[in-house]
Amino acid sequence: MDHPLIDLISARIAAAEAEGAFDNLPGAGRPLPPCDDPENAVLHRIMAENGAVPEVVSLSRELARLRAELREASDRTERRRLITEMSLLEARIEIAKRR
């Protein structure tokens, strides 16, 4: 089924094309860059432009930070808290990987 506004969209594109709006665009005449996931390409581009990372990556970074903190910690209570937090993060990472 066509979009209800397909005629209007086509007319606007044709008018822009006639006015030369698509002439001399950056990358004109060159092939599109390869894309592993075309269905989500726009989403991935927007995420990359805004510095967003997958949940697994952000959790892994947090885990690395906690490991570094654990290496420096000498207090037993603090070490126990860090190890508990690390265990929870490791479980969250495993869950995120399965999604």
N, C-alpha and C. Protein backbone atom coordinates (compact mmCIF):
# COMPACT_ATOMS: atom_id res chain seq x y z
N MET A 1 0.85 -1.18 0.00
CA MET A 1 0.00 0.00 0.00
C MET A 1 0.88 1.24 0.00
N ASP A 2 0.57 2.16 -0.87
CA ASP A 2 1.34 3.40 -0.97
C ASP A 2 1.04 4.33 0.19
N HIS A 3 2.00 5.19 0.46
CA HIS A 3 1.82 6.21 1.49
C HIS A 3 0.71 7.15 1.03
N PRO A 4 -0.16 7.61 1.94
CA PRO A 4 -1.27 8.48 1.52
C PRO A 4 -0.82 9.80 0.89
N LEU A 5 0.39 10.21 1.16
CA LEU A 5 0.88 11.47 0.60
C LEU A 5 1.88 11.26 -0.53
N ILE A 6 1.87 10.07 -1.14
CA ILE A 6 2.87 9.74 -2.16
C ILE A 6 2.84 10.71 -3.33
N ASP A 7 1.65 11.13 -3.74
CA ASP A 7 1.55 12.06 -4.88
C ASP A 7 2.18 13.42 -4.53
N LEU A 8 1.91 13.91 -3.34
CA LEU A 8 2.48 15.18 -2.90
C LEU A 8 4.01 15.06 -2.78
N ILE A 9 4.48 13.98 -2.21
CA ILE A 9 5.91 13.75 -2.05
C ILE A 9 6.59 13.70 -3.42
N SER A 10 6.01 12.96 -4.33
CA SER A 10 6.59 12.84 -5.68
C SER A 10 6.61 14.18 -6.39
N ALA A 11 5.56 14.98 -6.22
CA ALA A 11 5.50 16.30 -6.85
C ALA A 11 6.58 17.22 -6.29
N ARG A 12 6.77 17.18 -4.97
CA ARG A 12 7.79 18.04 -4.34
C ARG A 12 9.19 17.62 -4.78
N ILE A 13 9.43 16.32 -4.89
CA ILE A 13 10.74 15.84 -5.34
C ILE A 13 10.98 16.26 -6.79
N ALA A 14 9.96 16.10 -7.63
CA ALA A 14 10.09 16.49 -9.04
C ALA A 14 10.36 17.99 -9.17
N ALA A 15 9.67 18.81 -8.38
CA ALA A 15 9.88 20.27 -8.43
C ALA A 15 11.29 20.63 -7.97
N ALA A 16 11.76 20.01 -6.91
CA ALA A 16 13.11 20.28 -6.41
C ALA A 16 14.15 19.84 -7.43
N GLU A 17 13.91 18.72 -8.07
CA GLU A 17 14.82 18.22 -9.09
C GLU A 17 14.87 19.19 -10.28
N ALA A 18 13.71 19.70 -10.68
CA ALA A 18 13.65 20.66 -11.80
C ALA A 18 14.36 21.96 -11.46
N GLU A 19 14.34 22.36 -10.18
CA GLU A 19 15.00 23.59 -9.74
C GLU A 19 16.50 23.39 -9.54
N GLY A 20 16.97 22.15 -9.63
CA GLY A 20 18.41 21.88 -9.49
C GLY A 20 18.85 21.67 -8.05
N ALA A 21 17.90 21.41 -7.16
CA ALA A 21 18.24 21.24 -5.74
C ALA A 21 19.15 20.03 -5.50
N PHE A 22 19.16 19.09 -6.43
CA PHE A 22 19.96 17.88 -6.23
C PHE A 22 21.25 17.91 -7.06
N ASP A 23 21.52 19.02 -7.71
CA ASP A 23 22.75 19.14 -8.50
C ASP A 23 23.93 19.43 -7.58
N ASN A 24 25.07 18.87 -7.91
CA ASN A 24 26.33 19.13 -7.20
C ASN A 24 26.27 18.83 -5.70
N LEU A 25 25.59 17.78 -5.31
CA LEU A 25 25.57 17.38 -3.91
C LEU A 25 26.91 16.73 -3.56
N PRO A 26 27.35 16.86 -2.31
CA PRO A 26 28.59 16.19 -1.90
C PRO A 26 28.46 14.68 -2.13
N GLY A 27 29.46 14.09 -2.73
CA GLY A 27 29.45 12.65 -2.96
C GLY A 27 28.71 12.23 -4.22
N ALA A 28 28.22 13.17 -4.98
CA ALA A 28 27.47 12.84 -6.20
C ALA A 28 28.34 12.03 -7.14
N GLY A 29 27.80 10.97 -7.67
CA GLY A 29 28.51 10.14 -8.63
C GLY A 29 29.37 9.07 -7.99
N ARG A 30 29.50 9.10 -6.68
CA ARG A 30 30.28 8.08 -5.99
C ARG A 30 29.35 7.05 -5.37
N PRO A 31 29.81 5.81 -5.21
CA PRO A 31 28.95 4.79 -4.60
C PRO A 31 28.73 5.09 -3.11
N LEU A 32 27.64 4.59 -2.61
CA LEU A 32 27.36 4.74 -1.18
C LEU A 32 28.36 3.90 -0.39
N PRO A 33 28.70 4.32 0.83
CA PRO A 33 29.62 3.53 1.64
C PRO A 33 28.98 2.20 2.02
N PRO A 34 29.80 1.16 2.23
CA PRO A 34 29.23 -0.14 2.60
C PRO A 34 28.50 -0.03 3.93
N CYS A 35 27.45 -0.84 4.06
CA CYS A 35 26.62 -0.80 5.27
C CYS A 35 26.29 -2.24 5.68
N ASP A 36 26.66 -2.59 6.92
CA ASP A 36 26.39 -3.94 7.41
C ASP A 36 24.93 -4.14 7.80
N ASP A 37 24.28 -3.07 8.23
CA ASP A 37 22.92 -3.16 8.74
C ASP A 37 22.07 -2.04 8.14
N PRO A 38 21.63 -2.19 6.87
CA PRO A 38 20.93 -1.09 6.21
C PRO A 38 19.63 -0.68 6.90
N GLU A 39 18.96 -1.61 7.56
CA GLU A 39 17.69 -1.26 8.21
C GLU A 39 17.89 -0.30 9.37
N ASN A 40 19.06 -0.35 10.01
CA ASN A 40 19.31 0.50 11.17
C ASN A 40 20.43 1.51 10.92
N ALA A 41 20.77 1.75 9.67
CA ALA A 41 21.89 2.63 9.33
C ALA A 41 21.68 4.04 9.87
N VAL A 42 20.49 4.58 9.73
CA VAL A 42 20.23 5.95 10.21
C VAL A 42 20.35 6.01 11.72
N LEU A 43 19.80 5.02 12.40
CA LEU A 43 19.88 4.96 13.86
C LEU A 43 21.34 4.92 14.31
N HIS A 44 22.15 4.07 13.69
CA HIS A 44 23.56 3.96 14.05
C HIS A 44 24.31 5.27 13.79
N ARG A 45 23.99 5.93 12.68
CA ARG A 45 24.65 7.20 12.36
C ARG A 45 24.31 8.26 13.40
N ILE A 46 23.03 8.35 13.77
CA ILE A 46 22.60 9.34 14.76
C ILE A 46 23.26 9.05 16.11
N MET A 47 23.32 7.78 16.49
CA MET A 47 23.96 7.41 17.75
C MET A 47 25.44 7.79 17.73
N ALA A 48 26.13 7.50 16.63
CA ALA A 48 27.55 7.81 16.53
C ALA A 48 27.80 9.31 16.57
N GLU A 49 26.96 10.08 15.90
CA GLU A 49 27.12 11.53 15.87
C GLU A 49 26.90 12.16 17.25
N ASN A 50 26.12 11.49 18.09
CA ASN A 50 25.82 12.02 19.41
C ASN A 50 26.59 11.34 20.53
N GLY A 51 27.56 10.51 20.16
CA GLY A 51 28.43 9.88 21.15
C GLY A 51 27.78 8.75 21.93
N ALA A 52 26.67 8.24 21.46
CA ALA A 52 26.01 7.13 22.15
C ALA A 52 26.75 5.84 21.85
N VAL A 53 26.77 4.95 22.82
CA VAL A 53 27.40 3.65 22.64
C VAL A 53 26.42 2.57 23.09
N PRO A 54 26.59 1.36 22.58
CA PRO A 54 25.74 0.26 23.04
C PRO A 54 25.90 0.04 24.54
N GLU A 55 24.87 -0.51 25.14
CA GLU A 55 24.86 -0.72 26.58
C GLU A 55 26.04 -1.57 27.03
N VAL A 56 26.38 -2.60 26.26
CA VAL A 56 27.48 -3.48 26.62
C VAL A 56 28.79 -2.69 26.73
N VAL A 57 28.99 -1.76 25.82
CA VAL A 57 30.21 -0.96 25.83
C VAL A 57 30.26 -0.07 27.07
N SER A 58 29.17 0.61 27.37
CA SER A 58 29.17 1.50 28.54
C SER A 58 29.33 0.71 29.83
N LEU A 59 28.70 -0.46 29.92
CA LEU A 59 28.86 -1.30 31.11
C LEU A 59 30.28 -1.82 31.24
N SER A 60 30.89 -2.19 30.12
CA SER A 60 32.27 -2.68 30.14
C SER A 60 33.23 -1.58 30.59
N ARG A 61 32.98 -0.37 30.16
CA ARG A 61 33.82 0.75 30.59
C ARG A 61 33.70 0.96 32.09
N GLU A 62 32.48 0.89 32.59
CA GLU A 62 32.25 1.04 34.02
C GLU A 62 32.95 -0.08 34.80
N LEU A 63 32.89 -1.30 34.28
CA LEU A 63 33.55 -2.43 34.93
C LEU A 63 35.07 -2.21 34.97
N ALA A 64 35.64 -1.73 33.90
CA ALA A 64 37.07 -1.44 33.87
C ALA A 64 37.44 -0.37 34.90
N ARG A 65 36.58 0.63 35.03
CA ARG A 65 36.82 1.68 36.02
C ARG A 65 36.80 1.11 37.44
N LEU A 66 35.84 0.22 37.72
CA LEU A 66 35.75 -0.39 39.04
C LEU A 66 36.95 -1.29 39.32
N ARG A 67 37.43 -2.00 38.30
CA ARG A 67 38.62 -2.85 38.49
C ARG A 67 39.84 -2.01 38.85
N ALA A 68 39.98 -0.87 38.18
CA ALA A 68 41.09 0.03 38.51
C ALA A 68 40.95 0.56 39.93
N GLU A 69 39.73 0.88 40.32
CA GLU A 69 39.47 1.37 41.67
C GLU A 69 39.78 0.29 42.70
N LEU A 70 39.44 -0.95 42.38
CA LEU A 70 39.70 -2.08 43.28
C LEU A 70 41.21 -2.26 43.49
N ARG A 71 41.99 -2.10 42.43
CA ARG A 71 43.44 -2.25 42.55
C ARG A 71 44.03 -1.22 43.53
N GLU A 72 43.41 -0.07 43.61
CA GLU A 72 43.91 0.99 44.48
C GLU A 72 43.34 0.93 45.90
N ALA A 73 42.23 0.22 46.08
CA ALA A 73 41.54 0.20 47.38
C ALA A 73 42.28 -0.70 48.36
N SER A 74 42.40 -0.24 49.60
CA SER A 74 43.05 -1.05 50.63
C SER A 74 42.09 -1.42 51.75
N ASP A 75 41.03 -0.65 51.92
CA ASP A 75 40.04 -0.91 52.95
C ASP A 75 39.19 -2.12 52.58
N ARG A 76 39.05 -3.08 53.50
CA ARG A 76 38.31 -4.31 53.22
C ARG A 76 36.85 -4.04 52.88
N THR A 77 36.23 -3.13 53.59
CA THR A 77 34.82 -2.81 53.35
C THR A 77 34.65 -2.23 51.95
N GLU A 78 35.55 -1.34 51.57
CA GLU A 78 35.49 -0.73 50.24
C GLU A 78 35.74 -1.78 49.16
N ARG A 79 36.69 -2.66 49.38
CA ARG A 79 36.98 -3.72 48.41
C ARG A 79 35.77 -4.64 48.24
N ARG A 80 35.11 -4.98 49.35
CA ARG A 80 33.92 -5.85 49.30
C ARG A 80 32.81 -5.17 48.50
N ARG A 81 32.62 -3.87 48.74
CA ARG A 81 31.60 -3.12 48.00
C ARG A 81 31.91 -3.11 46.50
N LEU A 82 33.16 -2.88 46.15
CA LEU A 82 33.56 -2.86 44.75
C LEU A 82 33.37 -4.21 44.08
N ILE A 83 33.74 -5.28 44.79
CA ILE A 83 33.59 -6.63 44.22
C ILE A 83 32.12 -6.96 44.00
N THR A 84 31.26 -6.55 44.94
CA THR A 84 29.82 -6.78 44.79
C THR A 84 29.29 -6.02 43.58
N GLU A 85 29.70 -4.76 43.47
CA GLU A 85 29.26 -3.93 42.34
C GLU A 85 29.76 -4.50 41.01
N MET A 86 30.99 -5.02 41.01
CA MET A 86 31.55 -5.62 39.80
C MET A 86 30.77 -6.87 39.41
N SER A 87 30.40 -7.67 40.38
CA SER A 87 29.61 -8.88 40.08
C SER A 87 28.27 -8.53 39.45
N LEU A 88 27.63 -7.51 39.98
CA LEU A 88 26.35 -7.07 39.41
C LEU A 88 26.53 -6.55 37.98
N LEU A 89 27.60 -5.80 37.76
CA LEU A 89 27.87 -5.29 36.41
C LEU A 89 28.15 -6.42 35.43
N GLU A 90 28.90 -7.43 35.87
CA GLU A 90 29.19 -8.57 35.00
C GLU A 90 27.90 -9.29 34.60
N ALA A 91 26.96 -9.41 35.55
CA ALA A 91 25.67 -10.04 35.24
C ALA A 91 24.90 -9.18 34.24
N ARG A 92 24.92 -7.85 34.42
CA ARG A 92 24.23 -6.96 33.49
C ARG A 92 24.84 -7.03 32.09
N ILE A 93 26.15 -7.18 32.03
CA ILE A 93 26.82 -7.30 30.73
C ILE A 93 26.38 -8.58 30.02
N GLU A 94 26.31 -9.67 30.74
CA GLU A 94 25.87 -10.94 30.15
C GLU A 94 24.43 -10.84 29.63
N ILE A 95 23.57 -10.19 30.39
CA ILE A 95 22.18 -10.00 29.97
C ILE A 95 22.13 -9.12 28.72
N ALA A 96 22.92 -8.05 28.71
CA ALA A 96 22.93 -7.15 27.54
C ALA A 96 23.46 -7.85 26.30
N LYS A 97 24.42 -8.74 26.46
CA LYS A 97 24.98 -9.47 25.32
C LYS A 97 23.95 -10.40 24.68
N ARG A 98 23.04 -10.91 25.46
CA ARG A 98 22.02 -11.85 24.97
C ARG A 98 20.92 -11.15 24.17
N ARG A 99 20.79 -9.84 24.34
CA ARG A 99 19.74 -9.10 23.62
C ARG A 99 20.09 -8.94 22.18
